[in-house]
Amino acid sequence: GDVLPLDAKMNFDDNAMFRQKEVEELRDVTEEDPAEKRAKDHE
């Protein structure tokens, strides 16, 4: 009779990462496309 999340997916607003340090620290750059990461670094 318990109600539980068996899986969980979360996406976050990139524009809010300046105030979400806890979330920003969870970024896994190995999962990101290298070109997309490079683009993000150059805004």
All heavy atoms as atom14 arrays in JSON, in Angstrom:
{
  "sequence": "GDVLPLDAKMNFDDNAMFRQKEVEELRDVTEEDPAEKRAKDHE",
  "atom14_mask": [
    [1, 1, 1, 1, 0, 0, 0, 0, 0, 0, 0, 0, 0, 0],
    [1, 1, 1, 1, 1, 1, 1, 1, 0, 0, 0, 0, 0, 0],
    [1, 1, 1, 1, 1, 1, 1, 0, 0, 0, 0, 0, 0, 0],
    [1, 1, 1, 1, 1, 1, 1, 1, 0, 0, 0, 0, 0, 0],
    [1, 1, 1, 1, 1, 1, 1, 0, 0, 0, 0, 0, 0, 0],
    [1, 1, 1, 1, 1, 1, 1, 1, 0, 0, 0, 0, 0, 0],
    [1, 1, 1, 1, 1, 1, 1, 1, 0, 0, 0, 0, 0, 0],
    [1, 1, 1, 1, 1, 0, 0, 0, 0, 0, 0, 0, 0, 0],
    [1, 1, 1, 1, 1, 1, 1, 1, 1, 0, 0, 0, 0, 0],
    [1, 1, 1, 1, 1, 1, 1, 1, 0, 0, 0, 0, 0, 0],
    [1, 1, 1, 1, 1, 1, 1, 1, 0, 0, 0, 0, 0, 0],
    [1, 1, 1, 1, 1, 1, 1, 1, 1, 1, 1, 0, 0, 0],
    [1, 1, 1, 1, 1, 1, 1, 1, 0, 0, 0, 0, 0, 0],
    [1, 1, 1, 1, 1, 1, 1, 1, 0, 0, 0, 0, 0, 0],
    [1, 1, 1, 1, 1, 1, 1, 1, 0, 0, 0, 0, 0, 0],
    [1, 1, 1, 1, 1, 0, 0, 0, 0, 0, 0, 0, 0, 0],
    [1, 1, 1, 1, 1, 1, 1, 1, 0, 0, 0, 0, 0, 0],
    [1, 1, 1, 1, 1, 1, 1, 1, 1, 1, 1, 0, 0, 0],
    [1, 1, 1, 1, 1, 1, 1, 1, 1, 1, 1, 0, 0, 0],
    [1, 1, 1, 1, 1, 1, 1, 1, 1, 0, 0, 0, 0, 0],
    [1, 1, 1, 1, 1, 1, 1, 1, 1, 0, 0, 0, 0, 0],
    [1, 1, 1, 1, 1, 1, 1, 1, 1, 0, 0, 0, 0, 0],
    [1, 1, 1, 1, 1, 1, 1, 0, 0, 0, 0, 0, 0, 0],
    [1, 1, 1, 1, 1, 1, 1, 1, 1, 0, 0, 0, 0, 0],
    [1, 1, 1, 1, 1, 1, 1, 1, 1, 0, 0, 0, 0, 0],
    [1, 1, 1, 1, 1, 1, 1, 1, 0, 0, 0, 0, 0, 0],
    [1, 1, 1, 1, 1, 1, 1, 1, 1, 1, 1, 0, 0, 0],
    [1, 1, 1, 1, 1, 1, 1, 1, 0, 0, 0, 0, 0, 0],
    [1, 1, 1, 1, 1, 1, 1, 0, 0, 0, 0, 0, 0, 0],
    [1, 1, 1, 1, 1, 1, 1, 0, 0, 0, 0, 0, 0, 0],
    [1, 1, 1, 1, 1, 1, 1, 1, 1, 0, 0, 0, 0, 0],
    [1, 1, 1, 1, 1, 1, 1, 1, 1, 0, 0, 0, 0, 0],
    [1, 1, 1, 1, 1, 1, 1, 1, 0, 0, 0, 0, 0, 0],
    [1, 1, 1, 1, 1, 1, 1, 0, 0, 0, 0, 0, 0, 0],
    [1, 1, 1, 1, 1, 0, 0, 0, 0, 0, 0, 0, 0, 0],
    [1, 1, 1, 1, 1, 1, 1, 1, 1, 0, 0, 0, 0, 0],
    [1, 1, 1, 1, 1, 1, 1, 1, 1, 0, 0, 0, 0, 0],
    [1, 1, 1, 1, 1, 1, 1, 1, 1, 1, 1, 0, 0, 0],
    [1, 1, 1, 1, 1, 0, 0, 0, 0, 0, 0, 0, 0, 0],
    [1, 1, 1, 1, 1, 1, 1, 1, 1, 0, 0, 0, 0, 0],
    [1, 1, 1, 1, 1, 1, 1, 1, 0, 0, 0, 0, 0, 0],
    [1, 1, 1, 1, 1, 1, 1, 1, 1, 1, 0, 0, 0, 0],
    [1, 1, 1, 1, 1, 1, 1, 1, 1, 0, 0, 0, 0, 0]
  ],
  "atom14_positions": [
    [[0.77, -1.23, 0.0], [0.0, 0.0, 0.0], [0.81, 1.28, 0.0], [0.24, 2.38, 0.06], [0.0, 0.0, 0.0], [0.0, 0.0, 0.0], [0.0, 0.0, 0.0], [0.0, 0.0, 0.0], [0.0, 0.0, 0.0], [0.0, 0.0, 0.0], [0.0, 0.0, 0.0], [0.0, 0.0, 0.0], [0.0, 0.0, 0.0], [0.0, 0.0, 0.0]],
    [[2.15, 1.19, -0.08], [2.97, 2.4, -0.14], [2.97, 2.98, -1.55], [2.81, 2.24, -2.54], [4.41, 2.1, 0.3], [4.52, 1.81, 1.79], [3.78, 2.46, 2.55], [5.32, 0.93, 2.17], [0.0, 0.0, 0.0], [0.0, 0.0, 0.0], [0.0, 0.0, 0.0], [0.0, 0.0, 0.0], [0.0, 0.0, 0.0], [0.0, 0.0, 0.0]],
    [[3.17, 4.29, -1.66], [3.25, 4.98, -2.95], [4.67, 5.53, -3.07], [5.07, 6.42, -2.32], [2.21, 6.12, -3.05], [2.3, 6.79, -4.41], [0.8, 5.57, -2.82], [0.0, 0.0, 0.0], [0.0, 0.0, 0.0], [0.0, 0.0, 0.0], [0.0, 0.0, 0.0], [0.0, 0.0, 0.0], [0.0, 0.0, 0.0], [0.0, 0.0, 0.0]],
    [[5.44, 4.99, -4.03], [6.87, 5.29, -4.11], [7.3, 5.62, -5.55], [6.8, 5.0, -6.5], [7.7, 4.09, -3.65], [7.53, 3.6, -2.21], [8.22, 2.25, -2.05], [8.08, 4.62, -1.24], [0.0, 0.0, 0.0], [0.0, 0.0, 0.0], [0.0, 0.0, 0.0], [0.0, 0.0, 0.0], [0.0, 0.0, 0.0], [0.0, 0.0, 0.0]],
    [[8.25, 6.54, -5.72], [8.85, 6.75, -7.05], [9.9, 5.68, -7.32], [10.92, 5.62, -6.64], [9.48, 8.14, -6.94], [9.7, 8.36, -5.48], [8.72, 7.51, -4.73], [0.0, 0.0, 0.0], [0.0, 0.0, 0.0], [0.0, 0.0, 0.0], [0.0, 0.0, 0.0], [0.0, 0.0, 0.0], [0.0, 0.0, 0.0], [0.0, 0.0, 0.0]],
    [[9.64, 4.81, -8.29], [10.59, 3.75, -8.62], [11.71, 4.28, -9.52], [12.81, 3.76, -9.54], [9.87, 2.59, -9.31], [10.57, 1.23, -9.25], [10.73, 0.77, -7.82], [9.8, 0.19, -10.06], [0.0, 0.0, 0.0], [0.0, 0.0, 0.0], [0.0, 0.0, 0.0], [0.0, 0.0, 0.0], [0.0, 0.0, 0.0], [0.0, 0.0, 0.0]],
    [[11.41, 5.32, -10.28], [12.4, 5.98, -11.11], [12.19, 7.48, -10.94], [11.1, 7.92, -10.56], [12.25, 5.58, -12.58], [13.46, 5.95, -13.43], [14.44, 6.5, -12.86], [13.44, 5.71, -14.65], [0.0, 0.0, 0.0], [0.0, 0.0, 0.0], [0.0, 0.0, 0.0], [0.0, 0.0, 0.0], [0.0, 0.0, 0.0], [0.0, 0.0, 0.0]],
    [[13.2, 8.28, -11.21], [13.06, 9.73, -11.07], [13.96, 10.43, -12.08], [15.16, 10.15, -12.16], [13.43, 10.16, -9.65], [0.0, 0.0, 0.0], [0.0, 0.0, 0.0], [0.0, 0.0, 0.0], [0.0, 0.0, 0.0], [0.0, 0.0, 0.0], [0.0, 0.0, 0.0], [0.0, 0.0, 0.0], [0.0, 0.0, 0.0], [0.0, 0.0, 0.0]],
    [[13.34, 11.31, -12.83], [14.08, 12.14, -13.78], [13.84, 13.6, -13.43], [12.7, 14.01, -13.21], [13.6, 11.87, -15.21], [14.16, 12.82, -16.26], [13.52, 12.58, -17.61], [14.01, 13.6, -18.64], [13.39, 13.39, -19.96], [0.0, 0.0, 0.0], [0.0, 0.0, 0.0], [0.0, 0.0, 0.0], [0.0, 0.0, 0.0], [0.0, 0.0, 0.0]],
    [[14.93, 14.39, -13.37], [14.8, 15.82, -13.09], [15.65, 16.63, -14.05], [16.81, 16.31, -14.27], [15.21, 16.13, -11.65], [14.31, 15.51, -10.59], [14.77, 15.98, -8.89], [14.11, 17.66, -8.83], [0.0, 0.0, 0.0], [0.0, 0.0, 0.0], [0.0, 0.0, 0.0], [0.0, 0.0, 0.0], [0.0, 0.0, 0.0], [0.0, 0.0, 0.0]],
    [[15.04, 17.65, -14.63], [15.75, 18.64, -15.43], [15.61, 20.0, -14.75], [14.59, 20.26, -14.1], [15.17, 18.73, -16.84], [15.44, 17.5, -17.66], [16.02, 16.54, -17.18], [15.01, 17.51, -18.91], [0.0, 0.0, 0.0], [0.0, 0.0, 0.0], [0.0, 0.0, 0.0], [0.0, 0.0, 0.0], [0.0, 0.0, 0.0], [0.0, 0.0, 0.0]],
    [[16.6, 20.86, -14.95], [16.61, 22.15, -14.27], [16.84, 23.29, -15.26], [17.44, 23.11, -16.33], [17.71, 22.18, -13.2], [17.55, 21.11, -12.16], [18.14, 19.86, -12.35], [16.8, 21.32, -11.03], [17.99, 18.85, -11.41], [16.64, 20.31, -10.08], [17.23, 19.08, -10.28], [0.0, 0.0, 0.0], [0.0, 0.0, 0.0], [0.0, 0.0, 0.0]],
    [[16.37, 24.46, -14.87], [16.53, 25.66, -15.68], [17.99, 26.1, -15.64], [18.51, 26.48, -14.58], [15.61, 26.76, -15.13], [15.65, 28.04, -15.95], [16.49, 28.14, -16.87], [14.83, 28.93, -15.67], [0.0, 0.0, 0.0], [0.0, 0.0, 0.0], [0.0, 0.0, 0.0], [0.0, 0.0, 0.0], [0.0, 0.0, 0.0], [0.0, 0.0, 0.0]],
    [[18.66, 26.07, -16.77], [20.07, 26.47, -16.83], [20.27, 27.9, -16.35], [21.31, 28.23, -15.76], [20.61, 26.34, -18.26], [20.87, 24.89, -18.65], [21.29, 24.12, -17.78], [20.64, 24.54, -19.82], [0.0, 0.0, 0.0], [0.0, 0.0, 0.0], [0.0, 0.0, 0.0], [0.0, 0.0, 0.0], [0.0, 0.0, 0.0], [0.0, 0.0, 0.0]],
    [[19.29, 28.75, -16.6], [19.42, 30.17, -16.23], [19.37, 30.39, -14.71], [19.69, 31.48, -14.24], [18.3, 30.99, -16.88], [18.4, 30.97, -18.39], [19.48, 31.18, -18.94], [17.3, 30.69, -19.06], [0.0, 0.0, 0.0], [0.0, 0.0, 0.0], [0.0, 0.0, 0.0], [0.0, 0.0, 0.0], [0.0, 0.0, 0.0], [0.0, 0.0, 0.0]],
    [[18.96, 29.36, -13.97], [18.86, 29.49, -12.51], [20.05, 28.88, -11.78], [20.1, 28.91, -10.55], [17.57, 28.84, -12.02], [0.0, 0.0, 0.0], [0.0, 0.0, 0.0], [0.0, 0.0, 0.0], [0.0, 0.0, 0.0], [0.0, 0.0, 0.0], [0.0, 0.0, 0.0], [0.0, 0.0, 0.0], [0.0, 0.0, 0.0], [0.0, 0.0, 0.0]],
    [[21.02, 28.34, -12.51], [22.11, 27.62, -11.86], [22.98, 28.53, -11.0], [23.65, 28.06, -10.08], [22.97, 26.89, -12.89], [22.29, 25.65, -13.49], [21.8, 24.41, -12.27], [20.04, 24.76, -12.09], [0.0, 0.0, 0.0], [0.0, 0.0, 0.0], [0.0, 0.0, 0.0], [0.0, 0.0, 0.0], [0.0, 0.0, 0.0], [0.0, 0.0, 0.0]],
    [[22.96, 29.83, -11.26], [23.75, 30.75, -10.45], [23.3, 30.74, -8.99], [24.08, 31.06, -8.08], [23.67, 32.17, -11.02], [22.35, 32.86, -10.78], [22.17, 33.69, -9.68], [21.29, 32.67, -11.65], [20.95, 34.32, -9.46], [20.07, 33.29, -11.43], [19.9, 34.12, -10.33], [0.0, 0.0, 0.0], [0.0, 0.0, 0.0], [0.0, 0.0, 0.0]],
    [[22.05, 30.36, -8.73], [21.55, 30.33, -7.36], [21.24, 28.9, -6.89], [20.65, 28.71, -5.83], [20.29, 31.19, -7.22], [19.08, 30.7, -8.01], [17.93, 31.68, -7.88], [16.72, 31.19, -8.53], [15.63, 31.93, -8.74], [15.63, 33.2, -8.35], [14.57, 31.42, -9.33], [0.0, 0.0, 0.0], [0.0, 0.0, 0.0], [0.0, 0.0, 0.0]],
    [[21.63, 27.92, -7.69], [21.38, 26.52, -7.34], [22.71, 25.75, -7.31], [22.95, 24.84, -8.1], [20.41, 25.89, -8.35], [19.03, 26.48, -8.36], [18.26, 26.23, -7.07], [18.68, 25.45, -6.23], [17.13, 26.9, -6.91], [0.0, 0.0, 0.0], [0.0, 0.0, 0.0], [0.0, 0.0, 0.0], [0.0, 0.0, 0.0], [0.0, 0.0, 0.0]],
    [[23.57, 26.13, -6.38], [24.9, 25.52, -6.3], [24.82, 24.02, -6.01], [25.62, 23.23, -6.52], [25.75, 26.22, -5.23], [25.94, 27.72, -5.46], [26.54, 28.0, -6.83], [26.71, 29.5, -7.07], [27.14, 29.81, -8.45], [0.0, 0.0, 0.0], [0.0, 0.0, 0.0], [0.0, 0.0, 0.0], [0.0, 0.0, 0.0], [0.0, 0.0, 0.0]],
    [[23.84, 23.62, -5.2], [23.67, 22.2, -4.88], [23.4, 21.39, -6.14], [23.94, 20.29, -6.32], [22.51, 22.03, -3.88], [22.23, 20.59, -3.52], [20.98, 20.42, -2.67], [20.21, 21.4, -2.52], [20.75, 19.3, -2.17], [0.0, 0.0, 0.0], [0.0, 0.0, 0.0], [0.0, 0.0, 0.0], [0.0, 0.0, 0.0], [0.0, 0.0, 0.0]],
    [[22.59, 21.94, -7.02], [22.26, 21.25, -8.27], [23.43, 21.32, -9.25], [23.79, 20.32, -9.88], [20.99, 21.86, -8.91], [20.72, 21.23, -10.27], [19.79, 21.69, -7.99], [0.0, 0.0, 0.0], [0.0, 0.0, 0.0], [0.0, 0.0, 0.0], [0.0, 0.0, 0.0], [0.0, 0.0, 0.0], [0.0, 0.0, 0.0], [0.0, 0.0, 0.0]],
    [[24.05, 22.49, -9.35], [25.16, 22.69, -10.29], [26.29, 21.69, -10.02], [26.93, 21.2, -10.95], [25.69, 24.12, -10.16], [26.89, 24.45, -11.03], [26.6, 24.44, -12.52], [25.44, 24.67, -12.91], [27.55, 24.2, -13.3], [0.0, 0.0, 0.0], [0.0, 0.0, 0.0], [0.0, 0.0, 0.0], [0.0, 0.0, 0.0], [0.0, 0.0, 0.0]],
    [[26.52, 21.36, -8.75], [27.58, 20.42, -8.4], [27.3, 19.0, -8.87], [28.19, 18.16, -8.9], [27.79, 20.44, -6.88], [28.45, 21.71, -6.36], [28.47, 21.79, -4.85], [27.95, 20.85, -4.2], [28.99, 22.78, -4.32], [0.0, 0.0, 0.0], [0.0, 0.0, 0.0], [0.0, 0.0, 0.0], [0.0, 0.0, 0.0], [0.0, 0.0, 0.0]],
    [[26.05, 18.73, -9.25], [25.67, 17.39, -9.72], [25.88, 17.21, -11.22], [25.66, 16.12, -11.75], [24.19, 17.12, -9.38], [23.81, 17.17, -7.89], [22.31, 16.95, -7.73], [24.6, 16.16, -7.08], [0.0, 0.0, 0.0], [0.0, 0.0, 0.0], [0.0, 0.0, 0.0], [0.0, 0.0, 0.0], [0.0, 0.0, 0.0], [0.0, 0.0, 0.0]],
    [[26.31, 18.26, -11.91], [26.51, 18.17, -13.36], [27.53, 17.1, -13.71], [28.61, 17.03, -13.11], [26.99, 19.52, -13.91], [27.12, 19.55, -15.44], [27.69, 20.88, -15.93], [26.8, 21.98, -15.66], [25.78, 22.34, -16.43], [25.51, 21.66, -17.52], [25.04, 23.38, -16.11], [0.0, 0.0, 0.0], [0.0, 0.0, 0.0], [0.0, 0.0, 0.0]],
    [[27.19, 16.25, -14.66], [28.1, 15.2, -15.13], [28.49, 15.54, -16.57], [27.74, 15.26, -17.52], [27.41, 13.83, -15.06], [28.32, 12.7, -15.52], [29.49, 12.97, -15.86], [27.85, 11.54, -15.55], [0.0, 0.0, 0.0], [0.0, 0.0, 0.0], [0.0, 0.0, 0.0], [0.0, 0.0, 0.0], [0.0, 0.0, 0.0], [0.0, 0.0, 0.0]],
    [[29.67, 16.13, -16.73], [30.08, 16.6, -18.05], [30.36, 15.45, -19.0], [30.35, 15.63, -20.22], [31.32, 17.53, -17.95], [30.97, 18.79, -17.2], [32.5, 16.82, -17.3], [0.0, 0.0, 0.0], [0.0, 0.0, 0.0], [0.0, 0.0, 0.0], [0.0, 0.0, 0.0], [0.0, 0.0, 0.0], [0.0, 0.0, 0.0], [0.0, 0.0, 0.0]],
    [[30.61, 14.24, -18.46], [30.87, 13.1, -19.34], [29.62, 12.68, -20.1], [29.69, 11.98, -21.1], [31.39, 11.88, -18.55], [30.38, 11.44, -17.63], [32.65, 12.24, -17.77], [0.0, 0.0, 0.0], [0.0, 0.0, 0.0], [0.0, 0.0, 0.0], [0.0, 0.0, 0.0], [0.0, 0.0, 0.0], [0.0, 0.0, 0.0], [0.0, 0.0, 0.0]],
    [[28.44, 13.12, -19.63], [27.19, 12.8, -20.29], [26.81, 13.84, -21.34], [25.83, 13.68, -22.05], [26.06, 12.69, -19.26], [26.17, 11.49, -18.34], [25.89, 10.18, -19.03], [24.93, 10.11, -19.82], [26.63, 9.2, -18.8], [0.0, 0.0, 0.0], [0.0, 0.0, 0.0], [0.0, 0.0, 0.0], [0.0, 0.0, 0.0], [0.0, 0.0, 0.0]],
    [[27.55, 14.93, -21.4], [27.23, 16.01, -22.32], [28.04, 15.88, -23.6], [29.19, 15.43, -23.58], [27.5, 17.37, -21.66], [26.66, 17.62, -20.42], [26.99, 18.95, -19.74], [27.74, 19.74, -20.34], [26.5, 19.19, -18.63], [0.0, 0.0, 0.0], [0.0, 0.0, 0.0], [0.0, 0.0, 0.0], [0.0, 0.0, 0.0], [0.0, 0.0, 0.0]],
    [[27.44, 16.28, -24.71], [28.15, 16.31, -25.97], [29.3, 17.33, -25.85], [29.08, 18.46, -25.43], [27.19, 16.74, -27.09], [27.85, 16.74, -28.45], [28.57, 17.72, -28.75], [27.66, 15.79, -29.22], [0.0, 0.0, 0.0], [0.0, 0.0, 0.0], [0.0, 0.0, 0.0], [0.0, 0.0, 0.0], [0.0, 0.0, 0.0], [0.0, 0.0, 0.0]],
    [[30.55, 16.94, -26.21], [31.69, 17.85, -26.05], [31.49, 19.19, -26.75], [31.86, 20.24, -26.21], [32.86, 17.07, -26.67], [32.46, 15.63, -26.56], [30.97, 15.62, -26.72], [0.0, 0.0, 0.0], [0.0, 0.0, 0.0], [0.0, 0.0, 0.0], [0.0, 0.0, 0.0], [0.0, 0.0, 0.0], [0.0, 0.0, 0.0], [0.0, 0.0, 0.0]],
    [[30.89, 19.16, -27.94], [30.66, 20.4, -28.67], [29.62, 21.27, -27.96], [29.76, 22.5, -27.91], [30.21, 20.1, -30.1], [0.0, 0.0, 0.0], [0.0, 0.0, 0.0], [0.0, 0.0, 0.0], [0.0, 0.0, 0.0], [0.0, 0.0, 0.0], [0.0, 0.0, 0.0], [0.0, 0.0, 0.0], [0.0, 0.0, 0.0], [0.0, 0.0, 0.0]],
    [[28.59, 20.64, -27.41], [27.56, 21.39, -26.69], [28.13, 22.0, -25.41], [27.78, 23.12, -25.03], [26.36, 20.5, -26.39], [25.59, 20.1, -27.66], [24.38, 19.24, -27.38], [23.93, 19.19, -26.21], [23.87, 18.6, -28.32], [0.0, 0.0, 0.0], [0.0, 0.0, 0.0], [0.0, 0.0, 0.0], [0.0, 0.0, 0.0], [0.0, 0.0, 0.0]],
    [[29.01, 21.26, -24.73], [29.65, 21.79, -23.53], [30.55, 22.97, -23.89], [30.58, 24.0, -23.2], [30.47, 20.7, -22.84], [31.15, 21.19, -21.56], [31.99, 20.11, -20.93], [32.66, 20.63, -19.66], [33.55, 21.78, -19.9], [0.0, 0.0, 0.0], [0.0, 0.0, 0.0], [0.0, 0.0, 0.0], [0.0, 0.0, 0.0], [0.0, 0.0, 0.0]],
    [[31.3, 22.82, -24.97], [32.18, 23.89, -25.44], [31.37, 25.14, -25.78], [31.77, 26.26, -25.45], [32.94, 23.37, -26.66], [33.97, 24.31, -27.24], [34.7, 23.57, -28.36], [35.41, 24.45, -29.24], [35.95, 24.08, -30.4], [35.84, 22.8, -30.78], [36.6, 24.94, -31.15], [0.0, 0.0, 0.0], [0.0, 0.0, 0.0], [0.0, 0.0, 0.0]],
    [[30.24, 24.93, -26.42], [29.36, 26.06, -26.77], [28.85, 26.76, -25.51], [28.83, 27.99, -25.43], [28.2, 25.57, -27.62], [0.0, 0.0, 0.0], [0.0, 0.0, 0.0], [0.0, 0.0, 0.0], [0.0, 0.0, 0.0], [0.0, 0.0, 0.0], [0.0, 0.0, 0.0], [0.0, 0.0, 0.0], [0.0, 0.0, 0.0], [0.0, 0.0, 0.0]],
    [[28.45, 25.96, -24.53], [27.93, 26.52, -23.28], [29.0, 27.37, -22.58], [28.71, 28.42, -22.03], [27.46, 25.39, -22.38], [26.65, 25.83, -21.16], [26.14, 24.63, -20.38], [25.15, 23.82, -21.17], [24.61, 22.67, -20.41], [0.0, 0.0, 0.0], [0.0, 0.0, 0.0], [0.0, 0.0, 0.0], [0.0, 0.0, 0.0], [0.0, 0.0, 0.0]],
    [[30.25, 26.89, -22.63], [31.35, 27.63, -22.01], [31.57, 28.98, -22.66], [32.11, 29.9, -22.04], [32.65, 26.81, -22.09], [32.6, 25.56, -21.21], [31.76, 25.52, -20.29], [33.39, 24.63, -21.45], [0.0, 0.0, 0.0], [0.0, 0.0, 0.0], [0.0, 0.0, 0.0], [0.0, 0.0, 0.0], [0.0, 0.0, 0.0], [0.0, 0.0, 0.0]],
    [[31.16, 29.12, -23.92], [31.32, 30.38, -24.65], [29.99, 31.12, -24.81], [29.86, 32.0, -25.67], [31.94, 30.12, -26.04], [33.38, 29.72, -25.99], [33.78, 28.41, -25.78], [34.51, 30.46, -26.09], [35.1, 28.36, -25.78], [35.57, 29.57, -25.96], [0.0, 0.0, 0.0], [0.0, 0.0, 0.0], [0.0, 0.0, 0.0], [0.0, 0.0, 0.0]],
    [[29.0, 30.72, -24.01], [27.68, 31.37, -23.98], [26.99, 31.31, -25.34], [26.33, 32.26, -25.77], [27.81, 32.83, -23.5], [28.36, 32.93, -22.09], [28.48, 34.37, -21.61], [27.86, 35.26, -22.23], [29.21, 34.61, -20.65], [0.0, 0.0, 0.0], [0.0, 0.0, 0.0], [0.0, 0.0, 0.0], [0.0, 0.0, 0.0], [0.0, 0.0, 0.0]]
  ]
}
